[in-house]
Amino acid sequence: MSGHHHHHHHHQYGPTESGTVMLDIGGETGALIIYTGRDLHGREIEISRVDQDAVVRTHSAVRERIVRDGVFHSAVYPDLAAGLYTVWWDEETSAGTISVTGGAIAEFVWPSSPPRSA
């Protein structure tokens, strides 16, 4: 029994340096994290404010993030004004809506199959 415990002090968070996602939230500013499957790696996901012109979209690429329990894929939107947002499956199709509140991180799980068009 040797007392050598190898504690892995790995502070690399994989490909993105923002693995320690520093989110500037507070007041009227919130953040959104969309969790996706591996198949969306590198894909840009667009969101837009429900109460504004849908032409104005914010997008973020899905990146791989390595965490203690494995790997997950997510797109992070760090500085969002509080409000209700549409998450766009593609140009015309909504994957759902998510409410972003100031000072908090909203989480949205990407649907595994396309939503049916209304």
N, C-alpha and C. Protein backbone atom coordinates (compact mmCIF):
# COMPACT_ATOMS: atom_id res chain seq x y z
N MET A 1 0.85 -1.20 0.00
CA MET A 1 0.00 0.00 0.00
C MET A 1 0.88 1.24 0.00
N SER A 2 1.04 1.81 -1.12
CA SER A 2 1.80 3.06 -1.14
C SER A 2 0.83 4.21 -0.97
N GLY A 3 1.27 5.25 -0.34
CA GLY A 3 0.37 6.38 -0.08
C GLY A 3 0.32 7.34 -1.23
N HIS A 4 0.68 6.87 -2.42
CA HIS A 4 0.70 7.79 -3.56
C HIS A 4 -0.63 7.77 -4.28
N HIS A 5 -1.46 8.71 -3.93
CA HIS A 5 -2.72 8.84 -4.66
C HIS A 5 -2.48 9.84 -5.78
N HIS A 6 -2.75 9.40 -6.97
CA HIS A 6 -2.56 10.32 -8.10
C HIS A 6 -3.84 11.08 -8.31
N HIS A 7 -3.90 12.24 -7.73
CA HIS A 7 -5.06 13.10 -7.97
C HIS A 7 -4.85 13.79 -9.29
N HIS A 8 -5.77 13.59 -10.17
CA HIS A 8 -5.63 14.20 -11.48
C HIS A 8 -6.09 15.65 -11.42
N HIS A 9 -5.12 16.53 -11.47
CA HIS A 9 -5.49 17.95 -11.47
C HIS A 9 -5.52 18.43 -12.90
N HIS A 10 -6.46 17.90 -13.64
CA HIS A 10 -6.55 18.29 -15.04
C HIS A 10 -7.44 19.52 -15.12
N HIS A 11 -6.85 20.61 -15.53
CA HIS A 11 -7.67 21.80 -15.67
C HIS A 11 -7.85 22.15 -17.14
N GLN A 12 -7.61 21.18 -18.02
CA GLN A 12 -7.96 21.43 -19.41
C GLN A 12 -9.43 21.09 -19.55
N TYR A 13 -10.11 21.91 -20.28
CA TYR A 13 -11.52 21.63 -20.50
C TYR A 13 -11.74 21.36 -21.98
N GLY A 14 -10.87 20.56 -22.56
CA GLY A 14 -11.10 20.17 -23.93
C GLY A 14 -10.86 21.31 -24.91
N PRO A 15 -11.47 21.19 -26.07
CA PRO A 15 -11.19 22.09 -27.18
C PRO A 15 -11.49 23.55 -26.89
N THR A 16 -12.50 23.84 -26.07
CA THR A 16 -12.81 25.24 -25.85
C THR A 16 -12.17 25.71 -24.56
N GLU A 17 -11.51 26.83 -24.64
CA GLU A 17 -10.91 27.41 -23.45
C GLU A 17 -11.99 27.88 -22.50
N SER A 18 -13.19 28.09 -23.03
CA SER A 18 -14.26 28.58 -22.19
C SER A 18 -15.00 27.43 -21.53
N GLY A 19 -14.27 26.34 -21.29
CA GLY A 19 -14.87 25.22 -20.59
C GLY A 19 -15.30 25.67 -19.22
N THR A 20 -14.52 26.59 -18.63
CA THR A 20 -14.97 27.25 -17.42
C THR A 20 -15.75 28.45 -17.93
N VAL A 21 -16.99 28.21 -18.25
CA VAL A 21 -17.77 29.25 -18.92
C VAL A 21 -17.98 30.41 -17.97
N MET A 22 -17.30 31.51 -18.24
CA MET A 22 -17.49 32.70 -17.42
C MET A 22 -18.64 33.48 -18.01
N LEU A 23 -19.74 33.42 -17.32
CA LEU A 23 -20.92 34.07 -17.85
C LEU A 23 -21.17 35.37 -17.09
N ASP A 24 -21.34 36.40 -17.87
CA ASP A 24 -21.55 37.71 -17.28
C ASP A 24 -23.05 37.90 -17.09
N ILE A 25 -23.55 37.40 -15.97
CA ILE A 25 -24.99 37.47 -15.78
C ILE A 25 -25.31 38.31 -14.55
N GLY A 26 -26.51 38.85 -14.54
CA GLY A 26 -26.92 39.69 -13.43
C GLY A 26 -27.84 40.76 -13.96
N GLY A 27 -28.65 41.31 -13.09
CA GLY A 27 -29.57 42.35 -13.53
C GLY A 27 -30.53 41.80 -14.56
N GLU A 28 -30.55 42.44 -15.73
CA GLU A 28 -31.46 42.02 -16.79
C GLU A 28 -30.79 41.08 -17.78
N THR A 29 -29.57 40.66 -17.45
CA THR A 29 -28.84 39.81 -18.37
C THR A 29 -28.78 38.38 -17.86
N GLY A 30 -29.13 37.45 -18.73
CA GLY A 30 -29.06 36.04 -18.38
C GLY A 30 -28.24 35.30 -19.41
N ALA A 31 -28.22 34.00 -19.28
CA ALA A 31 -27.48 33.17 -20.22
C ALA A 31 -28.33 31.97 -20.58
N LEU A 32 -27.99 31.36 -21.70
CA LEU A 32 -28.71 30.18 -22.15
C LEU A 32 -27.69 29.13 -22.56
N ILE A 33 -27.93 27.91 -22.13
CA ILE A 33 -27.12 26.78 -22.59
C ILE A 33 -28.07 25.80 -23.25
N ILE A 34 -27.75 25.43 -24.48
CA ILE A 34 -28.54 24.42 -25.19
C ILE A 34 -27.71 23.15 -25.24
N TYR A 35 -28.26 22.09 -24.65
CA TYR A 35 -27.56 20.81 -24.66
C TYR A 35 -28.00 20.02 -25.88
N THR A 36 -27.04 19.51 -26.61
CA THR A 36 -27.34 18.78 -27.84
C THR A 36 -26.66 17.42 -27.81
N GLY A 37 -26.93 16.65 -28.82
CA GLY A 37 -26.20 15.40 -28.98
C GLY A 37 -24.92 15.64 -29.75
N ARG A 38 -24.08 14.61 -29.78
CA ARG A 38 -22.80 14.70 -30.46
C ARG A 38 -22.98 14.99 -31.95
N ASP A 39 -24.13 14.57 -32.50
CA ASP A 39 -24.34 14.74 -33.95
C ASP A 39 -24.45 16.21 -34.35
N LEU A 40 -24.63 17.10 -33.38
CA LEU A 40 -24.73 18.52 -33.72
C LEU A 40 -23.41 19.26 -33.52
N HIS A 41 -22.35 18.53 -33.24
CA HIS A 41 -21.05 19.16 -33.00
C HIS A 41 -20.69 20.08 -34.17
N GLY A 42 -20.41 21.34 -33.86
CA GLY A 42 -20.01 22.28 -34.90
C GLY A 42 -21.17 23.00 -35.57
N ARG A 43 -22.37 22.56 -35.28
CA ARG A 43 -23.56 23.17 -35.88
C ARG A 43 -23.86 24.51 -35.20
N GLU A 44 -24.32 25.45 -35.99
CA GLU A 44 -24.74 26.73 -35.42
C GLU A 44 -26.22 26.66 -35.08
N ILE A 45 -26.56 27.00 -33.87
CA ILE A 45 -27.97 27.03 -33.48
C ILE A 45 -28.37 28.49 -33.30
N GLU A 46 -29.48 28.84 -33.91
CA GLU A 46 -29.93 30.23 -33.83
C GLU A 46 -31.08 30.36 -32.84
N ILE A 47 -31.09 31.48 -32.16
CA ILE A 47 -32.21 31.82 -31.29
C ILE A 47 -32.64 33.24 -31.61
N SER A 48 -33.86 33.57 -31.27
CA SER A 48 -34.32 34.94 -31.44
C SER A 48 -35.35 35.25 -30.37
N ARG A 49 -35.46 36.53 -30.07
CA ARG A 49 -36.45 36.97 -29.10
C ARG A 49 -37.84 36.78 -29.67
N VAL A 50 -38.74 36.20 -28.89
CA VAL A 50 -40.10 35.97 -29.35
C VAL A 50 -40.79 37.29 -29.69
N ASP A 51 -40.51 38.32 -28.89
CA ASP A 51 -41.23 39.59 -29.07
C ASP A 51 -40.53 40.55 -30.02
N GLN A 52 -39.52 40.06 -30.74
CA GLN A 52 -38.85 40.93 -31.70
C GLN A 52 -38.84 40.26 -33.06
N ASP A 53 -38.37 41.01 -34.05
CA ASP A 53 -38.30 40.49 -35.41
C ASP A 53 -37.44 39.23 -35.44
N ALA A 54 -38.00 38.14 -35.98
CA ALA A 54 -37.28 36.87 -36.01
C ALA A 54 -36.06 36.91 -36.93
N VAL A 55 -35.93 38.00 -37.69
CA VAL A 55 -34.75 38.13 -38.54
C VAL A 55 -33.52 38.35 -37.67
N VAL A 56 -33.73 38.99 -36.54
CA VAL A 56 -32.60 39.27 -35.66
C VAL A 56 -32.34 38.03 -34.81
N ARG A 57 -31.32 37.29 -35.22
CA ARG A 57 -31.04 36.05 -34.52
C ARG A 57 -29.63 36.06 -33.95
N THR A 58 -29.51 35.39 -32.86
CA THR A 58 -28.20 35.21 -32.25
C THR A 58 -27.83 33.76 -32.47
N HIS A 59 -26.59 33.50 -32.86
CA HIS A 59 -26.25 32.09 -33.02
C HIS A 59 -24.98 31.75 -32.28
N SER A 60 -24.86 30.48 -31.98
CA SER A 60 -23.69 30.00 -31.27
C SER A 60 -23.42 28.59 -31.77
N ALA A 61 -22.15 28.24 -31.89
CA ALA A 61 -21.80 26.91 -32.39
C ALA A 61 -21.80 25.92 -31.24
N VAL A 62 -22.22 24.71 -31.57
CA VAL A 62 -22.17 23.62 -30.59
C VAL A 62 -20.72 23.18 -30.43
N ARG A 63 -20.25 23.16 -29.20
CA ARG A 63 -18.88 22.73 -28.95
C ARG A 63 -18.88 21.56 -27.99
N GLU A 64 -17.80 20.82 -28.07
CA GLU A 64 -17.62 19.69 -27.16
C GLU A 64 -16.99 20.21 -25.88
N ARG A 65 -17.56 19.82 -24.76
CA ARG A 65 -16.99 20.20 -23.48
C ARG A 65 -16.76 18.95 -22.67
N ILE A 66 -15.58 18.89 -22.10
CA ILE A 66 -15.23 17.70 -21.34
C ILE A 66 -15.42 17.99 -19.86
N VAL A 67 -16.23 17.17 -19.23
CA VAL A 67 -16.53 17.35 -17.82
C VAL A 67 -16.13 16.08 -17.08
N ARG A 68 -16.24 16.11 -15.79
CA ARG A 68 -15.76 14.99 -15.00
C ARG A 68 -16.43 13.68 -15.41
N ASP A 69 -17.71 13.78 -15.76
CA ASP A 69 -18.45 12.55 -16.05
C ASP A 69 -18.38 12.15 -17.51
N GLY A 70 -17.61 12.85 -18.30
CA GLY A 70 -17.54 12.49 -19.71
C GLY A 70 -17.53 13.72 -20.59
N VAL A 71 -18.22 13.61 -21.71
CA VAL A 71 -18.22 14.68 -22.70
C VAL A 71 -19.65 15.08 -22.95
N PHE A 72 -19.90 16.38 -23.05
CA PHE A 72 -21.22 16.77 -23.51
C PHE A 72 -21.08 17.87 -24.54
N HIS A 73 -22.10 18.04 -25.31
CA HIS A 73 -22.09 19.02 -26.39
C HIS A 73 -23.13 20.08 -26.08
N SER A 74 -22.73 21.32 -26.23
CA SER A 74 -23.67 22.39 -25.93
C SER A 74 -23.29 23.65 -26.68
N ALA A 75 -24.30 24.48 -26.86
CA ALA A 75 -24.10 25.82 -27.41
C ALA A 75 -24.42 26.80 -26.29
N VAL A 76 -23.54 27.77 -26.10
CA VAL A 76 -23.70 28.70 -24.99
C VAL A 76 -23.92 30.11 -25.52
N TYR A 77 -24.92 30.78 -24.95
CA TYR A 77 -25.23 32.17 -25.29
C TYR A 77 -25.04 32.97 -24.01
N PRO A 78 -23.91 33.66 -23.88
CA PRO A 78 -23.59 34.23 -22.58
C PRO A 78 -24.32 35.50 -22.18
N ASP A 79 -24.62 36.40 -23.10
CA ASP A 79 -25.20 37.69 -22.69
C ASP A 79 -26.54 37.92 -23.34
N LEU A 80 -27.57 37.38 -22.75
CA LEU A 80 -28.89 37.57 -23.33
C LEU A 80 -29.73 38.45 -22.45
N ALA A 81 -30.44 39.38 -23.08
CA ALA A 81 -31.41 40.17 -22.33
C ALA A 81 -32.52 39.23 -21.88
N ALA A 82 -33.00 39.44 -20.67
CA ALA A 82 -34.08 38.60 -20.16
C ALA A 82 -35.27 38.67 -21.10
N GLY A 83 -35.91 37.54 -21.30
CA GLY A 83 -37.07 37.50 -22.19
C GLY A 83 -37.32 36.08 -22.66
N LEU A 84 -38.29 35.95 -23.53
CA LEU A 84 -38.63 34.64 -24.08
C LEU A 84 -37.98 34.51 -25.45
N TYR A 85 -37.30 33.39 -25.65
CA TYR A 85 -36.57 33.17 -26.89
C TYR A 85 -37.09 31.94 -27.62
N THR A 86 -37.07 32.04 -28.94
CA THR A 86 -37.34 30.88 -29.77
C THR A 86 -36.01 30.23 -30.12
N VAL A 87 -35.94 28.92 -29.99
CA VAL A 87 -34.77 28.18 -30.43
C VAL A 87 -35.11 27.59 -31.80
N TRP A 88 -34.29 27.87 -32.80
CA TRP A 88 -34.62 27.49 -34.17
C TRP A 88 -33.99 26.16 -34.54
N TRP A 89 -34.85 25.23 -34.92
CA TRP A 89 -34.39 23.91 -35.40
C TRP A 89 -33.71 24.09 -36.75
N ASP A 90 -34.35 24.87 -37.61
CA ASP A 90 -33.76 25.25 -38.89
C ASP A 90 -34.32 26.63 -39.24
N GLU A 91 -34.16 27.04 -40.46
CA GLU A 91 -34.56 28.40 -40.82
C GLU A 91 -35.99 28.73 -40.43
N GLU A 92 -36.92 27.79 -40.66
CA GLU A 92 -38.33 28.10 -40.45
C GLU A 92 -38.95 27.41 -39.26
N THR A 93 -38.28 26.41 -38.72
CA THR A 93 -38.91 25.57 -37.72
C THR A 93 -38.40 25.87 -36.32
N SER A 94 -39.32 26.08 -35.41
CA SER A 94 -38.93 26.31 -34.02
C SER A 94 -38.75 24.97 -33.32
N ALA A 95 -37.69 24.86 -32.55
CA ALA A 95 -37.47 23.65 -31.74
C ALA A 95 -38.12 23.82 -30.38
N GLY A 96 -38.60 25.05 -30.11
CA GLY A 96 -39.23 25.32 -28.82
C GLY A 96 -38.88 26.71 -28.35
N THR A 97 -39.40 27.07 -27.19
CA THR A 97 -39.07 28.37 -26.63
C THR A 97 -38.48 28.18 -25.25
N ILE A 98 -37.70 29.14 -24.83
CA ILE A 98 -37.05 29.08 -23.53
C ILE A 98 -37.09 30.47 -22.92
N SER A 99 -37.40 30.52 -21.66
CA SER A 99 -37.46 31.81 -20.97
C SER A 99 -36.13 32.07 -20.28
N VAL A 100 -35.52 33.20 -20.61
CA VAL A 100 -34.25 33.59 -20.01
C VAL A 100 -34.53 34.67 -18.98
N THR A 101 -34.08 34.45 -17.76
CA THR A 101 -34.28 35.46 -16.72
C THR A 101 -32.94 36.05 -16.32
N GLY A 102 -32.98 37.31 -15.92
CA GLY A 102 -31.76 38.00 -15.53
C GLY A 102 -31.08 37.30 -14.35
N GLY A 103 -29.77 37.20 -14.44
CA GLY A 103 -29.00 36.64 -13.34
C GLY A 103 -29.03 35.13 -13.25
N ALA A 104 -29.63 34.47 -14.25
CA ALA A 104 -29.73 33.02 -14.19
C ALA A 104 -29.31 32.41 -15.51
N ILE A 105 -28.99 31.11 -15.45
CA ILE A 105 -28.65 30.38 -16.66
C ILE A 105 -29.83 29.49 -17.02
N ALA A 106 -30.41 29.73 -18.20
CA ALA A 106 -31.51 28.88 -18.66
C ALA A 106 -30.91 27.69 -19.40
N GLU A 107 -31.57 26.55 -19.31
CA GLU A 107 -31.08 25.36 -19.97
C GLU A 107 -32.16 24.81 -20.88
N PHE A 108 -31.75 24.47 -22.09
CA PHE A 108 -32.67 23.96 -23.09
C PHE A 108 -32.06 22.69 -23.66
N VAL A 109 -32.85 21.62 -23.69
CA VAL A 109 -32.34 20.37 -24.25
C VAL A 109 -32.85 20.24 -25.68
N TRP A 110 -31.92 20.13 -26.60
CA TRP A 110 -32.26 20.01 -28.02
C TRP A 110 -33.08 18.75 -28.24
N PRO A 111 -34.23 18.88 -28.95
CA PRO A 111 -35.07 17.70 -29.17
C PRO A 111 -34.34 16.68 -30.06
N SER A 112 -34.59 15.41 -29.82
CA SER A 112 -33.86 14.39 -30.57
C SER A 112 -34.45 14.17 -31.96
N SER A 113 -35.68 14.62 -32.17
CA SER A 113 -36.24 14.52 -33.52
C SER A 113 -36.90 15.84 -33.87
N PRO A 114 -37.00 16.16 -35.15
CA PRO A 114 -37.52 17.47 -35.54
C PRO A 114 -38.94 17.66 -35.07
N PRO A 115 -39.26 18.85 -34.61
CA PRO A 115 -40.64 19.14 -34.22
C PRO A 115 -41.53 19.10 -35.46
N ARG A 116 -42.73 18.68 -35.29
CA ARG A 116 -43.65 18.68 -36.43
C ARG A 116 -44.06 20.10 -36.75
N SER A 117 -44.04 20.41 -38.01
CA SER A 117 -44.46 21.75 -38.41
C SER A 117 -45.95 21.90 -38.17
N ALA A 118 -46.31 23.04 -37.66
CA ALA A 118 -47.73 23.28 -37.39
C ALA A 118 -48.50 23.35 -38.69
